[in-house]
C-alpha atoms as a PDB file:
ATOM      1  CA  MET A   1      37.503 -39.797  -2.797  1.00  0.00           C
ATOM      2  CA  LEU A   2      37.994 -36.158  -3.364  1.00  0.00           C
ATOM      3  CA  TYR A   3      41.732 -35.695  -4.427  1.00  0.00           C
ATOM      4  CA  GLU A   4      43.695 -32.680  -3.524  1.00  0.00           C
ATOM      5  CA  PHE A   5      43.997 -31.604  -7.034  1.00  0.00           C
ATOM      6  CA  GLU A   6      41.974 -32.641 -10.124  1.00  0.00           C
ATOM      7  CA  ASP A   7      42.382 -31.668 -13.878  1.00  0.00           C
ATOM      8  CA  ASN A   8      39.525 -31.420 -16.528  1.00  0.00           C
ATOM      9  CA  LYS A   9      40.499 -30.426 -20.160  1.00  0.00           C
ATOM     10  CA  PHE A  10      38.242 -27.915 -22.248  1.00  0.00           C
ATOM     11  CA  ASP A  11      39.532 -28.011 -25.444  1.00  0.00           C
ATOM     12  CA  GLU A  12      43.080 -26.890 -25.293  1.00  0.00           C
ATOM     13  CA  VAL A  13      42.910 -25.640 -21.775  1.00  0.00           C
ATOM     14  CA  LEU A  14      43.694 -27.887 -18.845  1.00  0.00           C
ATOM     15  CA  VAL A  15      41.511 -26.592 -15.588  1.00  0.00           C
ATOM     16  CA  VAL A  16      43.410 -27.788 -12.407  1.00  0.00           C
ATOM     17  CA  LYS A  17      41.022 -27.585  -9.356  1.00  0.00           C
ATOM     18  CA  ILE A  18      42.348 -27.156  -6.123  1.00  0.00           C
ATOM     19  CA  ASN A  19      39.908 -28.894  -3.587  1.00  0.00           C
ATOM     20  CA  THR A  20      41.680 -28.375  -0.358  1.00  0.00           C
ATOM     21  CA  PRO A  21      40.343 -25.235   1.645  1.00  0.00           C
ATOM     22  CA  ASP A  22      44.015 -24.641   3.045  1.00  0.00           C
ATOM     23  CA  ALA A  23      46.666 -24.368   0.464  1.00  0.00           C
ATOM     24  CA  THR A  24      49.597 -24.734   2.780  1.00  0.00           C
ATOM     25  CA  LEU A  25      52.935 -26.213   3.094  1.00  0.00           C
ATOM     26  CA  LYS A  26      51.295 -29.527   3.578  1.00  0.00           C
ATOM     27  CA  TYR A  27      50.035 -29.525  -0.085  1.00  0.00           C
ATOM     28  CA  ALA A  28      52.570 -27.102  -1.525  1.00  0.00           C
ATOM     29  CA  GLN A  29      55.482 -29.815  -2.630  1.00  0.00           C
ATOM     30  CA  ARG A  30      52.535 -32.217  -4.060  1.00  0.00           C
ATOM     31  CA  PHE A  31      51.013 -29.227  -5.935  1.00  0.00           C
ATOM     32  CA  LYS A  32      54.279 -28.202  -7.595  1.00  0.00           C
ATOM     33  CA  SER A  33      55.147 -31.876  -8.584  1.00  0.00           C
ATOM     34  CA  TYR A  34      51.635 -32.268  -9.938  1.00  0.00           C
ATOM     35  CA  LEU A  35      51.979 -29.208 -12.219  1.00  0.00           C
ATOM     36  CA  THR A  36      55.624 -30.159 -13.097  1.00  0.00           C
ATOM     37  CA  ARG A  37      54.284 -33.518 -14.483  1.00  0.00           C
ATOM     38  CA  LEU A  38      51.503 -31.653 -16.355  1.00  0.00           C
ATOM     39  CA  ILE A  39      54.245 -29.442 -18.093  1.00  0.00           C
ATOM     40  CA  GLU A  40      56.563 -31.749 -18.887  1.00  0.00           C
ATOM     41  CA  ASN A  41      53.616 -33.635 -20.690  1.00  0.00           C
ATOM     42  CA  ASP A  42      53.443 -31.041 -22.603  1.00  0.00           C
ATOM     43  CA  GLU A  43      50.462 -28.940 -21.297  1.00  0.00           C
ATOM     44  CA  LYS A  44      50.786 -25.268 -22.882  1.00  0.00           C
ATOM     45  CA  LYS A  45      47.606 -24.094 -21.402  1.00  0.00           C
ATOM     46  CA  ILE A  46      46.950 -24.177 -17.719  1.00  0.00           C
ATOM     47  CA  LEU A  47      44.255 -22.375 -15.686  1.00  0.00           C
ATOM     48  CA  ILE A  48      44.522 -23.232 -11.495  1.00  0.00           C
ATOM     49  CA  ASP A  49      40.883 -22.976 -10.056  1.00  0.00           C
ATOM     50  CA  CYS A  50      41.535 -21.639  -6.511  1.00  0.00           C
ATOM     51  CA  ARG A  51      38.122 -20.878  -5.848  1.00  0.00           C
ATOM     52  CA  ASN A  52      37.421 -23.586  -3.240  1.00  0.00           C
ATOM     53  CA  VAL A  53      40.532 -22.266  -1.462  1.00  0.00           C
ATOM     54  CA  ASN A  54      40.264 -20.295   2.101  1.00  0.00           C
ATOM     55  CA  PHE A  55      43.788 -19.918   2.928  1.00  0.00           C
ATOM     56  CA  MET A  56      46.965 -20.028   0.845  1.00  0.00           C
ATOM     57  CA  ASP A  57      50.316 -19.551   2.680  1.00  0.00           C
ATOM     58  CA  SER A  58      53.477 -18.330   1.035  1.00  0.00           C
ATOM     59  CA  THR A  59      55.110 -21.907   0.543  1.00  0.00           C
ATOM     60  CA  PHE A  60      51.874 -22.714  -1.650  1.00  0.00           C
ATOM     61  CA  LEU A  61      52.249 -19.304  -3.219  1.00  0.00           C
ATOM     62  CA  GLY A  62      55.800 -20.148  -3.931  1.00  0.00           C
ATOM     63  CA  SER A  63      54.641 -23.246  -5.952  1.00  0.00           C
ATOM     64  CA  LEU A  64      52.460 -21.160  -7.872  1.00  0.00           C
ATOM     65  CA  VAL A  65      55.139 -18.857  -8.798  1.00  0.00           C
ATOM     66  CA  PHE A  66      57.694 -21.700  -9.718  1.00  0.00           C
ATOM     67  CA  THR A  67      55.080 -23.136 -12.105  1.00  0.00           C
ATOM     68  CA  LEU A  68      54.378 -19.788 -13.568  1.00  0.00           C
ATOM     69  CA  LYS A  69      57.989 -19.739 -14.335  1.00  0.00           C
ATOM     70  CA  LYS A  70      58.431 -23.081 -15.595  1.00  0.00           C
ATOM     71  CA  MET A  71      55.519 -22.682 -17.928  1.00  0.00           C
ATOM     72  CA  ALA A  72      56.975 -19.483 -19.310  1.00  0.00           C
ATOM     73  CA  THR A  73      60.048 -21.252 -20.213  1.00  0.00           C
ATOM     74  CA  SER A  74      58.316 -23.922 -21.805  1.00  0.00           C
ATOM     75  CA  GLY A  75      56.497 -21.537 -24.083  1.00  0.00           C
ATOM     76  CA  GLY A  76      53.113 -21.924 -22.050  1.00  0.00           C
ATOM     77  CA  ASP A  77      50.768 -19.699 -20.278  1.00  0.00           C
ATOM     78  CA  LEU A  78      49.231 -20.109 -16.857  1.00  0.00           C
ATOM     79  CA  LYS A  79      46.310 -18.331 -15.331  1.00  0.00           C
ATOM     80  CA  LEU A  80      44.380 -18.038 -12.326  1.00  0.00           C
ATOM     81  CA  VAL A  81      40.796 -17.986 -11.275  1.00  0.00           C
ATOM     82  CA  ILE A  82      40.259 -16.864  -7.906  1.00  0.00           C
ATOM     83  CA  GLY A  83      36.786 -15.890  -7.539  1.00  0.00           C
ATOM     84  CA  ASN A  84      35.318 -12.290  -6.631  1.00  0.00           C
ATOM     85  CA  VAL A  85      36.734  -9.527  -4.316  1.00  0.00           C
ATOM     86  CA  GLU A  86      35.022 -11.476  -1.059  1.00  0.00           C
ATOM     87  CA  SER A  87      37.486 -14.519  -1.411  1.00  0.00           C
ATOM     88  CA  PRO A  88      40.557 -14.480   0.563  1.00  0.00           C
ATOM     89  CA  VAL A  89      42.914 -15.505  -2.117  1.00  0.00           C
ATOM     90  CA  TRP A  90      41.640 -12.344  -3.870  1.00  0.00           C
ATOM     91  CA  THR A  91      42.491 -10.754  -0.712  1.00  0.00           C
ATOM     92  CA  MET A  92      45.612 -12.100  -0.350  1.00  0.00           C
ATOM     93  CA  PHE A  93      46.852 -11.320  -4.102  1.00  0.00           C
ATOM     94  CA  GLU A  94      45.785  -8.023  -3.311  1.00  0.00           C
ATOM     95  CA  THR A  95      47.647  -7.304  -0.200  1.00  0.00           C
ATOM     96  CA  THR A  96      50.869  -9.218  -1.865  1.00  0.00           C
ATOM     97  CA  ARG A  97      50.736  -7.399  -5.179  1.00  0.00           C
ATOM     98  CA  MET A  98      50.308 -10.811  -6.983  1.00  0.00           C
ATOM     99  CA  PHE A  99      47.705  -9.526  -9.270  1.00  0.00           C
ATOM    100  CA  LYS A 100      50.948  -7.813 -11.189  1.00  0.00           C
ATOM    101  CA  VAL A 101      52.409 -11.047 -11.507  1.00  0.00           C
ATOM    102  CA  PHE A 102      49.655 -13.364 -12.401  1.00  0.00           C
ATOM    103  CA  LYS A 103      46.860 -13.259 -14.997  1.00  0.00           C
ATOM    104  CA  THR A 104      43.698 -13.564 -12.753  1.00  0.00           C
ATOM    105  CA  PHE A 105      39.938 -14.237 -13.271  1.00  0.00           C
ATOM    106  CA  PRO A 106      36.713 -14.114 -11.402  1.00  0.00           C
ATOM    107  CA  GLU A 107      35.266 -17.120 -13.253  1.00  0.00           C
ATOM    108  CA  ILE A 108      36.359 -20.032 -15.474  1.00  0.00           C
ATOM    109  CA  GLU A 109      34.584 -19.447 -18.493  1.00  0.00           C
ATOM    110  CA  THR A 110      36.141 -15.650 -19.043  1.00  0.00           C
ATOM    111  CA  ALA A 111      39.503 -17.266 -18.126  1.00  0.00           C
ATOM    112  CA  ILE A 112      39.325 -20.171 -20.824  1.00  0.00           C
ATOM    113  CA  GLU A 113      37.996 -17.689 -23.708  1.00  0.00           C
ATOM    114  CA  SER A 114      41.268 -15.620 -22.537  1.00  0.00           C
ATOM    115  CA  PHE A 115      43.655 -18.353 -23.597  1.00  0.00           C
ATOM    116  CA  ASN A 116      42.464 -17.656 -27.455  1.00  0.00           C
END
């Protein structure tokens, strides 16, 4: 069974992959709770992989913003992989100016290296 979210550790960076193509209200609270548990378990470097997401609504984006703030207050760092300029998430981030809020990367490898 494929879960909505899954995580894998790469050195000190925890990569959380969003497996649902529609990141909407349906998943926002579960995602927020999932990330909150990770932060409470003292994860300090979290990378969210959004490359499988075709649509993200404002409630799901709100979960990301909430998590970013929670990471900052815990002394951690949260970054996103959103793919290239053809990605729907890229377009949404450009439209909403979320690039000013989040550190984003087109691929996993560069994002993981940026934590060092």
